[in-house]
Amino acid sequence: MTKAQERCMKAAELNFWRKCIRKTVMDRVRKEDIRMAVSRNTTIMDRTEEKCLTWYGHIQRMEGQILQWIPRRRKKRGRPGRIWMDGVRLAMISRGLTNEDWQDMDFWQRRVT
């Protein structure tokens, strides 16, 4: 997911919660106050990251070598786009996980959620 997409998702989530508590942008209520009013400590991006890491652990425990496959195609000009594995690596670094941690399913699930 790109940074622009992340910003849009966070904004949509905040607008949803703001409408739930019947506040407008003009009321100038802080994000933390809105989240506290609806009893939410995490954002939608945190939940997306959890699901991504859960799926990564599932795929790694499968028998095949799915993640090592690279499709053949022509490269476009310019900077390469972000791929799914880049997001997984960043999420693993932020949570202090290593590549071998997925082998212990119970440990992986405790650290991811």
PDB file of N, CA and C in Angstrom:
ATOM      1  N   MET A   1       0.847  -1.166   0.000  1.00  0.00           N
ATOM      2  CA  MET A   1       0.000   0.000   0.000  1.00  0.00           C
ATOM      3  C   MET A   1       0.902   1.242   0.000  1.00  0.00           C
ATOM      4  N   THR A   2       0.583   2.196  -0.827  1.00  0.00           N
ATOM      5  CA  THR A   2       1.397   3.401  -0.892  1.00  0.00           C
ATOM      6  C   THR A   2       1.053   4.337   0.264  1.00  0.00           C
ATOM      7  N   LYS A   3       1.903   5.327   0.468  1.00  0.00           N
ATOM      8  CA  LYS A   3       1.672   6.297   1.540  1.00  0.00           C
ATOM      9  C   LYS A   3       0.382   7.083   1.292  1.00  0.00           C
ATOM     10  N   ALA A   4       0.111   7.418   0.044  1.00  0.00           N
ATOM     11  CA  ALA A   4      -1.118   8.152  -0.276  1.00  0.00           C
ATOM     12  C   ALA A   4      -2.348   7.313   0.046  1.00  0.00           C
ATOM     13  N   GLN A   5      -2.297   6.023  -0.262  1.00  0.00           N
ATOM     14  CA  GLN A   5      -3.412   5.137   0.056  1.00  0.00           C
ATOM     15  C   GLN A   5      -3.591   4.999   1.561  1.00  0.00           C
ATOM     16  N   GLU A   6      -2.476   4.943   2.285  1.00  0.00           N
ATOM     17  CA  GLU A   6      -2.560   4.864   3.748  1.00  0.00           C
ATOM     18  C   GLU A   6      -3.225   6.107   4.323  1.00  0.00           C
ATOM     19  N   ARG A   7      -2.844   7.273   3.823  1.00  0.00           N
ATOM     20  CA  ARG A   7      -3.453   8.524   4.296  1.00  0.00           C
ATOM     21  C   ARG A   7      -4.947   8.544   4.016  1.00  0.00           C
ATOM     22  N   CYS A   8      -5.336   8.088   2.841  1.00  0.00           N
ATOM     23  CA  CYS A   8      -6.764   8.058   2.496  1.00  0.00           C
ATOM     24  C   CYS A   8      -7.532   7.103   3.398  1.00  0.00           C
ATOM     25  N   MET A   9      -6.950   5.944   3.693  1.00  0.00           N
ATOM     26  CA  MET A   9      -7.612   4.978   4.566  1.00  0.00           C
ATOM     27  C   MET A   9      -7.771   5.534   5.982  1.00  0.00           C
ATOM     28  N   LYS A  10      -6.715   6.169   6.499  1.00  0.00           N
ATOM     29  CA  LYS A  10      -6.786   6.747   7.840  1.00  0.00           C
ATOM     30  C   LYS A  10      -7.817   7.865   7.898  1.00  0.00           C
ATOM     31  N   ALA A  11      -7.873   8.686   6.849  1.00  0.00           N
ATOM     32  CA  ALA A  11      -8.841   9.781   6.818  1.00  0.00           C
ATOM     33  C   ALA A  11     -10.264   9.243   6.755  1.00  0.00           C
ATOM     34  N   ALA A  12     -10.488   8.207   5.951  1.00  0.00           N
ATOM     35  CA  ALA A  12     -11.824   7.617   5.841  1.00  0.00           C
ATOM     36  C   ALA A  12     -12.255   7.007   7.176  1.00  0.00           C
ATOM     37  N   GLU A  13     -11.308   6.338   7.846  1.00  0.00           N
ATOM     38  CA  GLU A  13     -11.624   5.743   9.139  1.00  0.00           C
ATOM     39  C   GLU A  13     -11.989   6.823  10.157  1.00  0.00           C
ATOM     40  N   LEU A  14     -11.219   7.893  10.204  1.00  0.00           N
ATOM     41  CA  LEU A  14     -11.486   8.969  11.152  1.00  0.00           C
ATOM     42  C   LEU A  14     -12.820   9.658  10.848  1.00  0.00           C
ATOM     43  N   ASN A  15     -13.129   9.843   9.579  1.00  0.00           N
ATOM     44  CA  ASN A  15     -14.424  10.424   9.211  1.00  0.00           C
ATOM     45  C   ASN A  15     -15.574   9.528   9.665  1.00  0.00           C
ATOM     46  N   PHE A  16     -15.383   8.217   9.527  1.00  0.00           N
ATOM     47  CA  PHE A  16     -16.411   7.281   9.966  1.00  0.00           C
ATOM     48  C   PHE A  16     -16.644   7.405  11.466  1.00  0.00           C
ATOM     49  N   TRP A  17     -15.557   7.387  12.257  1.00  0.00           N
ATOM     50  CA  TRP A  17     -15.706   7.484  13.708  1.00  0.00           C
ATOM     51  C   TRP A  17     -16.276   8.836  14.114  1.00  0.00           C
ATOM     52  N   ARG A  18     -15.876   9.878  13.390  1.00  0.00           N
ATOM     53  CA  ARG A  18     -16.393  11.214  13.697  1.00  0.00           C
ATOM     54  C   ARG A  18     -17.910  11.267  13.487  1.00  0.00           C
ATOM     55  N   LYS A  19     -18.370  10.630  12.417  1.00  0.00           N
ATOM     56  CA  LYS A  19     -19.816  10.606  12.155  1.00  0.00           C
ATOM     57  C   LYS A  19     -20.550   9.759  13.196  1.00  0.00           C
ATOM     58  N   CYS A  20     -19.901   8.716  13.685  1.00  0.00           N
ATOM     59  CA  CYS A  20     -20.526   7.868  14.696  1.00  0.00           C
ATOM     60  C   CYS A  20     -20.791   8.626  15.992  1.00  0.00           C
ATOM     61  N   ILE A  21     -19.897   9.537  16.342  1.00  0.00           N
ATOM     62  CA  ILE A  21     -20.101  10.297  17.581  1.00  0.00           C
ATOM     63  C   ILE A  21     -20.738  11.661  17.303  1.00  0.00           C
ATOM     64  N   ARG A  22     -21.188  11.857  16.071  1.00  0.00           N
ATOM     65  CA  ARG A  22     -21.915  13.060  15.646  1.00  0.00           C
ATOM     66  C   ARG A  22     -21.102  14.345  15.873  1.00  0.00           C
ATOM     67  N   LYS A  23     -19.864  14.298  15.419  1.00  0.00           N
ATOM     68  CA  LYS A  23     -19.001  15.477  15.437  1.00  0.00           C
ATOM     69  C   LYS A  23     -18.616  15.806  13.999  1.00  0.00           C
ATOM     70  N   THR A  24     -18.337  17.058  13.735  1.00  0.00           N
ATOM     71  CA  THR A  24     -17.891  17.473  12.416  1.00  0.00           C
ATOM     72  C   THR A  24     -16.452  17.954  12.511  1.00  0.00           C
ATOM     73  N   VAL A  25     -15.853  18.194  11.369  1.00  0.00           N
ATOM     74  CA  VAL A  25     -14.498  18.720  11.331  1.00  0.00           C
ATOM     75  C   VAL A  25     -14.471  20.102  11.962  1.00  0.00           C
ATOM     76  N   MET A  26     -15.544  20.834  11.809  1.00  0.00           N
ATOM     77  CA  MET A  26     -15.619  22.182  12.359  1.00  0.00           C
ATOM     78  C   MET A  26     -15.647  22.192  13.890  1.00  0.00           C
ATOM     79  N   ASP A  27     -15.997  21.071  14.512  1.00  0.00           N
ATOM     80  CA  ASP A  27     -15.977  20.977  15.971  1.00  0.00           C
ATOM     81  C   ASP A  27     -14.554  20.899  16.521  1.00  0.00           C
ATOM     82  N   ARG A  28     -13.588  20.609  15.637  1.00  0.00           N
ATOM     83  CA  ARG A  28     -12.166  20.579  15.986  1.00  0.00           C
ATOM     84  C   ARG A  28     -11.867  19.658  17.172  1.00  0.00           C
ATOM     85  N   VAL A  29     -12.304  18.414  17.043  1.00  0.00           N
ATOM     86  CA  VAL A  29     -12.040  17.408  18.063  1.00  0.00           C
ATOM     87  C   VAL A  29     -10.790  16.635  17.637  1.00  0.00           C
ATOM     88  N   ARG A  30      -9.859  16.425  18.549  1.00  0.00           N
ATOM     89  CA  ARG A  30      -8.610  15.738  18.233  1.00  0.00           C
ATOM     90  C   ARG A  30      -8.846  14.265  17.930  1.00  0.00           C
ATOM     91  N   LYS A  31      -7.922  13.686  17.154  1.00  0.00           N
ATOM     92  CA  LYS A  31      -8.019  12.268  16.787  1.00  0.00           C
ATOM     93  C   LYS A  31      -8.045  11.369  18.017  1.00  0.00           C
ATOM     94  N   GLU A  32      -7.189  11.676  18.973  1.00  0.00           N
ATOM     95  CA  GLU A  32      -7.111  10.845  20.174  1.00  0.00           C
ATOM     96  C   GLU A  32      -8.430  10.874  20.942  1.00  0.00           C
ATOM     97  N   ASP A  33      -9.067  12.048  20.985  1.00  0.00           N
ATOM     98  CA  ASP A  33     -10.346  12.158  21.681  1.00  0.00           C
ATOM     99  C   ASP A  33     -11.441  11.369  20.970  1.00  0.00           C
ATOM    100  N   ILE A  34     -11.394  11.374  19.640  1.00  0.00           N
ATOM    101  CA  ILE A  34     -12.384  10.615  18.868  1.00  0.00           C
ATOM    102  C   ILE A  34     -12.192   9.125  19.115  1.00  0.00           C
ATOM    103  N   ARG A  35     -10.938   8.659  19.054  1.00  0.00           N
ATOM    104  CA  ARG A  35     -10.666   7.234  19.285  1.00  0.00           C
ATOM    105  C   ARG A  35     -11.039   6.818  20.702  1.00  0.00           C
ATOM    106  N   MET A  36     -10.803   7.702  21.664  1.00  0.00           N
ATOM    107  CA  MET A  36     -11.159   7.395  23.041  1.00  0.00           C
ATOM    108  C   MET A  36     -12.686   7.322  23.195  1.00  0.00           C
ATOM    109  N   ALA A  37     -13.406   8.176  22.473  1.00  0.00           N
ATOM    110  CA  ALA A  37     -14.865   8.190  22.558  1.00  0.00           C
ATOM    111  C   ALA A  37     -15.480   6.911  21.997  1.00  0.00           C
ATOM    112  N   VAL A  38     -14.829   6.326  20.993  1.00  0.00           N
ATOM    113  CA  VAL A  38     -15.362   5.097  20.398  1.00  0.00           C
ATOM    114  C   VAL A  38     -14.626   3.856  20.891  1.00  0.00           C
ATOM    115  N   SER A  39     -13.744   4.017  21.866  1.00  0.00           N
ATOM    116  CA  SER A  39     -12.992   2.912  22.486  1.00  0.00           C
ATOM    117  C   SER A  39     -12.139   2.158  21.475  1.00  0.00           C
ATOM    118  N   ARG A  40     -11.414   2.879  20.658  1.00  0.00           N
ATOM    119  CA  ARG A  40     -10.504   2.275  19.675  1.00  0.00           C
ATOM    120  C   ARG A  40      -9.098   2.814  19.895  1.00  0.00           C
ATOM    121  N   ASN A  41      -8.151   1.921  20.167  1.00  0.00           N
ATOM    122  CA  ASN A  41      -6.767   2.327  20.346  1.00  0.00           C
ATOM    123  C   ASN A  41      -5.948   2.139  19.081  1.00  0.00           C
ATOM    124  N   THR A  42      -6.391   1.252  18.202  1.00  0.00           N
ATOM    125  CA  THR A  42      -5.637   0.962  16.997  1.00  0.00           C
ATOM    126  C   THR A  42      -6.332   1.562  15.785  1.00  0.00           C
ATOM    127  N   THR A  43      -5.558   1.743  14.729  1.00  0.00           N
ATOM    128  CA  THR A  43      -6.107   2.275  13.484  1.00  0.00           C
ATOM    129  C   THR A  43      -6.379   1.131  12.515  1.00  0.00           C
ATOM    130  N   ILE A  44      -6.981   1.473  11.406  1.00  0.00           N
ATOM    131  CA  ILE A  44      -7.263   0.476  10.383  1.00  0.00           C
ATOM    132  C   ILE A  44      -5.966  -0.026   9.760  1.00  0.00           C
ATOM    133  N   MET A  45      -4.933   0.804   9.749  1.00  0.00           N
ATOM    134  CA  MET A  45      -3.654   0.388   9.195  1.00  0.00           C
ATOM    135  C   MET A  45      -2.977  -0.653  10.094  1.00  0.00           C
ATOM    136  N   ASP A  46      -3.169  -0.543  11.400  1.00  0.00           N
ATOM    137  CA  ASP A  46      -2.634  -1.558  12.317  1.00  0.00           C
ATOM    138  C   ASP A  46      -3.295  -2.905  12.049  1.00  0.00           C
ATOM    139  N   ARG A  47      -4.590  -2.877  11.856  1.00  0.00           N
ATOM    140  CA  ARG A  47      -5.343  -4.106  11.582  1.00  0.00           C
ATOM    141  C   ARG A  47      -4.931  -4.705  10.236  1.00  0.00           C
ATOM    142  N   THR A  48      -4.719  -3.853   9.242  1.00  0.00           N
ATOM    143  CA  THR A  48      -4.272  -4.321   7.927  1.00  0.00           C
ATOM    144  C   THR A  48      -2.896  -4.967   8.033  1.00  0.00           C
ATOM    145  N   GLU A  49      -2.022  -4.365   8.820  1.00  0.00           N
ATOM    146  CA  GLU A  49      -0.682  -4.912   9.032  1.00  0.00           C
ATOM    147  C   GLU A  49      -0.755  -6.274   9.720  1.00  0.00           C
ATOM    148  N   GLU A  50      -1.627  -6.411  10.709  1.00  0.00           N
ATOM    149  CA  GLU A  50      -1.805  -7.696  11.387  1.00  0.00           C
ATOM    150  C   GLU A  50      -2.247  -8.778  10.411  1.00  0.00           C
ATOM    151  N   LYS A  51      -3.227  -8.461   9.587  1.00  0.00           N
ATOM    152  CA  LYS A  51      -3.737  -9.435   8.624  1.00  0.00           C
ATOM    153  C   LYS A  51      -2.670  -9.812   7.605  1.00  0.00           C
ATOM    154  N   CYS A  52      -1.863  -8.832   7.205  1.00  0.00           N
ATOM    155  CA  CYS A  52      -0.791  -9.085   6.251  1.00  0.00           C
ATOM    156  C   CYS A  52       0.238 -10.047   6.844  1.00  0.00           C
ATOM    157  N   LEU A  53       0.621  -9.817   8.100  1.00  0.00           N
ATOM    158  CA  LEU A  53       1.591 -10.696   8.750  1.00  0.00           C
ATOM    159  C   LEU A  53       1.009 -12.079   9.025  1.00  0.00           C
ATOM    160  N   THR A  54      -0.271 -12.148   9.347  1.00  0.00           N
ATOM    161  CA  THR A  54      -0.918 -13.446   9.543  1.00  0.00           C
ATOM    162  C   THR A  54      -0.891 -14.248   8.247  1.00  0.00           C
ATOM    163  N   TRP A  55      -1.186 -13.584   7.148  1.00  0.00           N
ATOM    164  CA  TRP A  55      -1.178 -14.248   5.838  1.00  0.00           C
ATOM    165  C   TRP A  55       0.243 -14.673   5.467  1.00  0.00           C
ATOM    166  N   TYR A  56       1.230 -13.837   5.764  1.00  0.00           N
ATOM    167  CA  TYR A  56       2.628 -14.166   5.483  1.00  0.00           C
ATOM    168  C   TYR A  56       3.043 -15.434   6.237  1.00  0.00           C
ATOM    169  N   GLY A  57       2.696 -15.538   7.513  1.00  0.00           N
ATOM    170  CA  GLY A  57       3.018 -16.732   8.288  1.00  0.00           C
ATOM    171  C   GLY A  57       2.340 -17.967   7.715  1.00  0.00           C
ATOM    172  N   HIS A  58       1.098 -17.813   7.279  1.00  0.00           N
ATOM    173  CA  HIS A  58       0.362 -18.928   6.686  1.00  0.00           C
ATOM    174  C   HIS A  58       1.040 -19.401   5.401  1.00  0.00           C
ATOM    175  N   ILE A  59       1.409 -18.462   4.549  1.00  0.00           N
ATOM    176  CA  ILE A  59       2.044 -18.799   3.270  1.00  0.00           C
ATOM    177  C   ILE A  59       3.407 -19.453   3.507  1.00  0.00           C
ATOM    178  N   GLN A  60       4.164 -18.970   4.478  1.00  0.00           N
ATOM    179  CA  GLN A  60       5.476 -19.538   4.760  1.00  0.00           C
ATOM    180  C   GLN A  60       5.370 -20.971   5.261  1.00  0.00           C
ATOM    181  N   ARG A  61       4.327 -21.282   6.021  1.00  0.00           N
ATOM    182  CA  ARG A  61       4.187 -22.637   6.549  1.00  0.00           C
ATOM    183  C   ARG A  61       3.676 -23.628   5.507  1.00  0.00           C
ATOM    184  N   MET A  62       3.226 -23.145   4.359  1.00  0.00           N
ATOM    185  CA  MET A  62       2.777 -24.051   3.300  1.00  0.00           C
ATOM    186  C   MET A  62       3.981 -24.762   2.692  1.00  0.00           C
ATOM    187  N   GLU A  63       3.723 -25.859   2.013  1.00  0.00           N
ATOM    188  CA  GLU A  63       4.796 -26.680   1.464  1.00  0.00           C
ATOM    189  C   GLU A  63       5.529 -26.018   0.294  1.00  0.00           C
ATOM    190  N   GLY A  64       4.822 -25.350  -0.593  1.00  0.00           N
ATOM    191  CA  GLY A  64       5.435 -24.807  -1.806  1.00  0.00           C
ATOM    192  C   GLY A  64       6.310 -23.596  -1.546  1.00  0.00           C
ATOM    193  N   GLN A  65       7.018 -23.188  -2.546  1.00  0.00           N
ATOM    194  CA  GLN A  65       7.887 -22.020  -2.477  1.00  0.00           C
ATOM    195  C   GLN A  65       7.224 -20.856  -3.205  1.00  0.00           C
ATOM    196  N   ILE A  66       6.057 -20.482  -2.777  1.00  0.00           N
ATOM    197  CA  ILE A  66       5.263 -19.470  -3.462  1.00  0.00           C
ATOM    198  C   ILE A  66       5.939 -18.107  -3.439  1.00  0.00           C
ATOM    199  N   LEU A  67       6.513 -17.736  -2.322  1.00  0.00           N
ATOM    200  CA  LEU A  67       7.077 -16.395  -2.190  1.00  0.00           C
ATOM    201  C   LEU A  67       8.371 -16.208  -2.962  1.00  0.00           C
ATOM    202  N   GLN A  68       9.020 -17.298  -3.403  1.00  0.00           N
ATOM    203  CA  GLN A  68      10.258 -17.171  -4.152  1.00  0.00           C
ATOM    204  C   GLN A  68      10.018 -16.999  -5.654  1.00  0.00           C
ATOM    205  N   TRP A  69       8.783 -17.167  -6.101  1.00  0.00           N
ATOM    206  CA  TRP A  69       8.483 -17.059  -7.522  1.00  0.00           C
ATOM    207  C   TRP A  69       8.465 -15.606  -7.944  1.00  0.00           C
ATOM    208  N   ILE A  70       9.161 -15.305  -9.042  1.00  0.00           N
ATOM    209  CA  ILE A  70       9.184 -13.952  -9.587  1.00  0.00           C
ATOM    210  C   ILE A  70       8.672 -14.032 -11.015  1.00  0.00           C
ATOM    211  N   PRO A  71       7.554 -13.360 -11.305  1.00  0.00           N
ATOM    212  CA  PRO A  71       7.015 -13.418 -12.664  1.00  0.00           C
ATOM    213  C   PRO A  71       7.947 -12.706 -13.647  1.00  0.00           C
ATOM    214  N   ARG A  72       8.007 -13.209 -14.869  1.00  0.00           N
ATOM    215  CA  ARG A  72       8.839 -12.595 -15.891  1.00  0.00           C
ATOM    216  C   ARG A  72       8.030 -11.524 -16.597  1.00  0.00           C
ATOM    217  N   ARG A  73       8.563 -10.336 -16.602  1.00  0.00           N
ATOM    218  CA  ARG A  73       7.915  -9.238 -17.313  1.00  0.00           C
ATOM    219  C   ARG A  73       8.939  -8.148 -17.546  1.00  0.00           C
ATOM    220  N   ARG A  74       8.595  -7.250 -18.429  1.00  0.00           N
ATOM    221  CA  ARG A  74       9.501  -6.143 -18.725  1.00  0.00           C
ATOM    222  C   ARG A  74       9.487  -5.136 -17.590  1.00  0.00           C
ATOM    223  N   LYS A  75      10.629  -4.581 -17.312  1.00  0.00           N
ATOM    224  CA  LYS A  75      10.717  -3.564 -16.281  1.00  0.00           C
ATOM    225  C   LYS A  75      10.302  -2.219 -16.851  1.00  0.00           C
ATOM    226  N   LYS A  76       9.578  -1.461 -16.046  1.00  0.00           N
ATOM    227  CA  LYS A  76       9.170  -0.123 -16.450  1.00  0.00           C
ATOM    228  C   LYS A  76      10.283   0.862 -16.123  1.00  0.00           C
ATOM    229  N   ARG A  77      10.216   2.004 -16.731  1.00  0.00           N
ATOM    230  CA  ARG A  77      11.188   3.047 -16.447  1.00  0.00           C
ATOM    231  C   ARG A  77      10.927   3.635 -15.066  1.00  0.00           C
ATOM    232  N   GLY A  78      11.967   4.154 -14.455  1.00  0.00           N
ATOM    233  CA  GLY A  78      11.809   4.830 -13.179  1.00  0.00           C
ATOM    234  C   GLY A  78      12.007   3.906 -11.995  1.00  0.00           C
ATOM    235  N   ARG A  79      11.608   4.430 -10.867  1.00  0.00           N
ATOM    236  CA  ARG A  79      11.781   3.700  -9.620  1.00  0.00           C
ATOM    237  C   ARG A  79      10.822   2.512  -9.560  1.00  0.00           C
ATOM    238  N   PRO A  80      11.289   1.346  -9.098  1.00  0.00           N
ATOM    239  CA  PRO A  80      10.389   0.199  -8.979  1.00  0.00           C
ATOM    240  C   PRO A  80       9.308   0.463  -7.942  1.00  0.00           C
ATOM    241  N   GLY A  81       8.123  -0.028  -8.193  1.00  0.00           N
ATOM    242  CA  GLY A  81       7.017   0.139  -7.262  1.00  0.00           C
ATOM    243  C   GLY A  81       7.212  -0.711  -6.019  1.00  0.00           C
ATOM    244  N   ARG A  82       6.480  -0.365  -4.957  1.00  0.00           N
ATOM    245  CA  ARG A  82       6.548  -1.166  -3.735  1.00  0.00           C
ATOM    246  C   ARG A  82       5.822  -2.475  -3.954  1.00  0.00           C
ATOM    247  N   ILE A  83       6.406  -3.525  -3.450  1.00  0.00           N
ATOM    248  CA  ILE A  83       5.773  -4.832  -3.560  1.00  0.00           C
ATOM    249  C   ILE A  83       5.286  -5.267  -2.181  1.00  0.00           C
ATOM    250  N   TRP A  84       4.476  -6.305  -2.159  1.00  0.00           N
ATOM    251  CA  TRP A  84       3.859  -6.776  -0.931  1.00  0.00           C
ATOM    252  C   TRP A  84       4.914  -7.165   0.106  1.00  0.00           C
ATOM    253  N   MET A  85       5.993  -7.799  -0.330  1.00  0.00           N
ATOM    254  CA  MET A  85       7.035  -8.253   0.592  1.00  0.00           C
ATOM    255  C   MET A  85       7.714  -7.078   1.288  1.00  0.00           C
ATOM    256  N   ASP A  86       7.827  -5.937   0.628  1.00  0.00           N
ATOM    257  CA  ASP A  86       8.417  -4.760   1.273  1.00  0.00           C
ATOM    258  C   ASP A  86       7.592  -4.342   2.484  1.00  0.00           C
ATOM    259  N   GLY A  87       6.278  -4.351   2.330  1.00  0.00           N
ATOM    260  CA  GLY A  87       5.394  -4.020   3.441  1.00  0.00           C
ATOM    261  C   GLY A  87       5.509  -5.028   4.573  1.00  0.00           C
ATOM    262  N   VAL A  88       5.653  -6.301   4.226  1.00  0.00           N
ATOM    263  CA  VAL A  88       5.799  -7.359   5.235  1.00  0.00           C
ATOM    264  C   VAL A  88       7.096  -7.156   6.006  1.00  0.00           C
ATOM    265  N   ARG A  89       8.176  -6.862   5.288  1.00  0.00           N
ATOM    266  CA  ARG A  89       9.469  -6.655   5.958  1.00  0.00           C
ATOM    267  C   ARG A  89       9.413  -5.471   6.918  1.00  0.00           C
ATOM    268  N   LEU A  90       8.802  -4.374   6.485  1.00  0.00           N
ATOM    269  CA  LEU A  90       8.687  -3.204   7.357  1.00  0.00           C
ATOM    270  C   LEU A  90       7.847  -3.510   8.597  1.00  0.00           C
ATOM    271  N   ALA A  91       6.763  -4.258   8.416  1.00  0.00           N
ATOM    272  CA  ALA A  91       5.904  -4.622   9.544  1.00  0.00           C
ATOM    273  C   ALA A  91       6.648  -5.535  10.513  1.00  0.00           C
ATOM    274  N   MET A  92       7.456  -6.452   9.983  1.00  0.00           N
ATOM    275  CA  MET A  92       8.214  -7.355  10.838  1.00  0.00           C
ATOM    276  C   MET A  92       9.270  -6.592  11.628  1.00  0.00           C
ATOM    277  N   ILE A  93       9.911  -5.635  11.004  1.00  0.00           N
ATOM    278  CA  ILE A  93      10.922  -4.836  11.696  1.00  0.00           C
ATOM    279  C   ILE A  93      10.275  -4.020  12.810  1.00  0.00           C
ATOM    280  N   SER A  94       9.126  -3.420  12.528  1.00  0.00           N
ATOM    281  CA  SER A  94       8.473  -2.585  13.535  1.00  0.00           C
ATOM    282  C   SER A  94       7.985  -3.402  14.730  1.00  0.00           C
ATOM    283  N   ARG A  95       7.714  -4.692  14.533  1.00  0.00           N
ATOM    284  CA  ARG A  95       7.252  -5.549  15.624  1.00  0.00           C
ATOM    285  C   ARG A  95       8.362  -6.411  16.222  1.00  0.00           C
ATOM    286  N   GLY A  96       9.585  -6.263  15.713  1.00  0.00           N
ATOM    287  CA  GLY A  96      10.719  -7.002  16.258  1.00  0.00           C
ATOM    288  C   GLY A  96      10.700  -8.475  15.917  1.00  0.00           C
ATOM    289  N   LEU A  97      10.192  -8.833  14.749  1.00  0.00           N
ATOM    290  CA  LEU A  97      10.128 -10.234  14.324  1.00  0.00           C
ATOM    291  C   LEU A  97      11.258 -10.541  13.348  1.00  0.00           C
ATOM    292  N   THR A  98      11.687 -11.796  13.315  1.00  0.00           N
ATOM    293  CA  THR A  98      12.702 -12.232  12.363  1.00  0.00           C
ATOM    294  C   THR A  98      12.083 -13.188  11.361  1.00  0.00           C
ATOM    295  N   ASN A  99      12.867 -13.555  10.346  1.00  0.00           N
ATOM    296  CA  ASN A  99      12.355 -14.446   9.307  1.00  0.00           C
ATOM    297  C   ASN A  99      12.039 -15.841   9.822  1.00  0.00           C
ATOM    298  N   GLU A 100      12.670 -16.283  10.900  1.00  0.00           N
ATOM    299  CA  GLU A 100      12.461 -17.633  11.406  1.00  0.00           C
ATOM    300  C   GLU A 100      11.320 -17.720  12.414  1.00  0.00           C
ATOM    301  N   ASP A 101      10.802 -16.604  12.864  1.00  0.00           N
ATOM    302  CA  ASP A 101       9.757 -16.612  13.892  1.00  0.00           C
ATOM    303  C   ASP A 101       8.447 -17.235  13.418  1.00  0.00           C
ATOM    304  N   TRP A 102       8.172 -17.235  12.119  1.00  0.00           N
ATOM    305  CA  TRP A 102       6.907 -17.751  11.613  1.00  0.00           C
ATOM    306  C   TRP A 102       6.787 -19.256  11.806  1.00  0.00           C
ATOM    307  N   GLN A 103       7.903 -19.952  12.053  1.00  0.00           N
ATOM    308  CA  GLN A 103       7.860 -21.405  12.188  1.00  0.00           C
ATOM    309  C   GLN A 103       7.111 -21.839  13.444  1.00  0.00           C
ATOM    310  N   ASP A 104       7.168 -21.050  14.512  1.00  0.00           N
ATOM    311  CA  ASP A 104       6.417 -21.335  15.723  1.00  0.00           C
ATOM    312  C   ASP A 104       5.095 -20.567  15.641  1.00  0.00           C
ATOM    313  N   MET A 105       4.036 -21.282  15.299  1.00  0.00           N
ATOM    314  CA  MET A 105       2.758 -20.639  15.016  1.00  0.00           C
ATOM    315  C   MET A 105       2.184 -19.900  16.220  1.00  0.00           C
ATOM    316  N   ASP A 106       2.276 -20.475  17.404  1.00  0.00           N
ATOM    317  CA  ASP A 106       1.735 -19.817  18.597  1.00  0.00           C
ATOM    318  C   ASP A 106       2.473 -18.518  18.893  1.00  0.00           C
ATOM    319  N   PHE A 107       3.805 -18.562  18.818  1.00  0.00           N
ATOM    320  CA  PHE A 107       4.608 -17.349  19.055  1.00  0.00           C
ATOM    321  C   PHE A 107       4.271 -16.281  18.016  1.00  0.00           C
ATOM    322  N   TRP A 108       4.167 -16.708  16.749  1.00  0.00           N
ATOM    323  CA  TRP A 108       3.870 -15.775  15.655  1.00  0.00           C
ATOM    324  C   TRP A 108       2.526 -15.080  15.878  1.00  0.00           C
ATOM    325  N   GLN A 109       1.510 -15.841  16.242  1.00  0.00           N
ATOM    326  CA  GLN A 109       0.193 -15.265  16.439  1.00  0.00           C
ATOM    327  C   GLN A 109       0.152 -14.315  17.639  1.00  0.00           C
ATOM    328  N   ARG A 110       0.890 -14.649  18.697  1.00  0.00           N
ATOM    329  CA  ARG A 110       0.947 -13.739  19.855  1.00  0.00           C
ATOM    330  C   ARG A 110       1.625 -12.432  19.499  1.00  0.00           C
ATOM    331  N   ARG A 111       2.698 -12.476  18.721  1.00  0.00           N
ATOM    332  CA  ARG A 111       3.441 -11.271  18.391  1.00  0.00           C
ATOM    333  C   ARG A 111       2.739 -10.430  17.327  1.00  0.00           C
ATOM    334  N   VAL A 112       2.010 -11.086  16.433  1.00  0.00           N
ATOM    335  CA  VAL A 112       1.337 -10.353  15.350  1.00  0.00           C
ATOM    336  C   VAL A 112       0.101  -9.636  15.858  1.00  0.00           C
ATOM    337  N   THR A 113      -0.708 -10.277  16.683  1.00  0.00           N
ATOM    338  CA  THR A 113      -1.946  -9.642  17.132  1.00  0.00           C
ATOM    339  C   THR A 113      -1.761  -8.848  18.393  1.00  0.00           C
TER     340      THR A 113
END
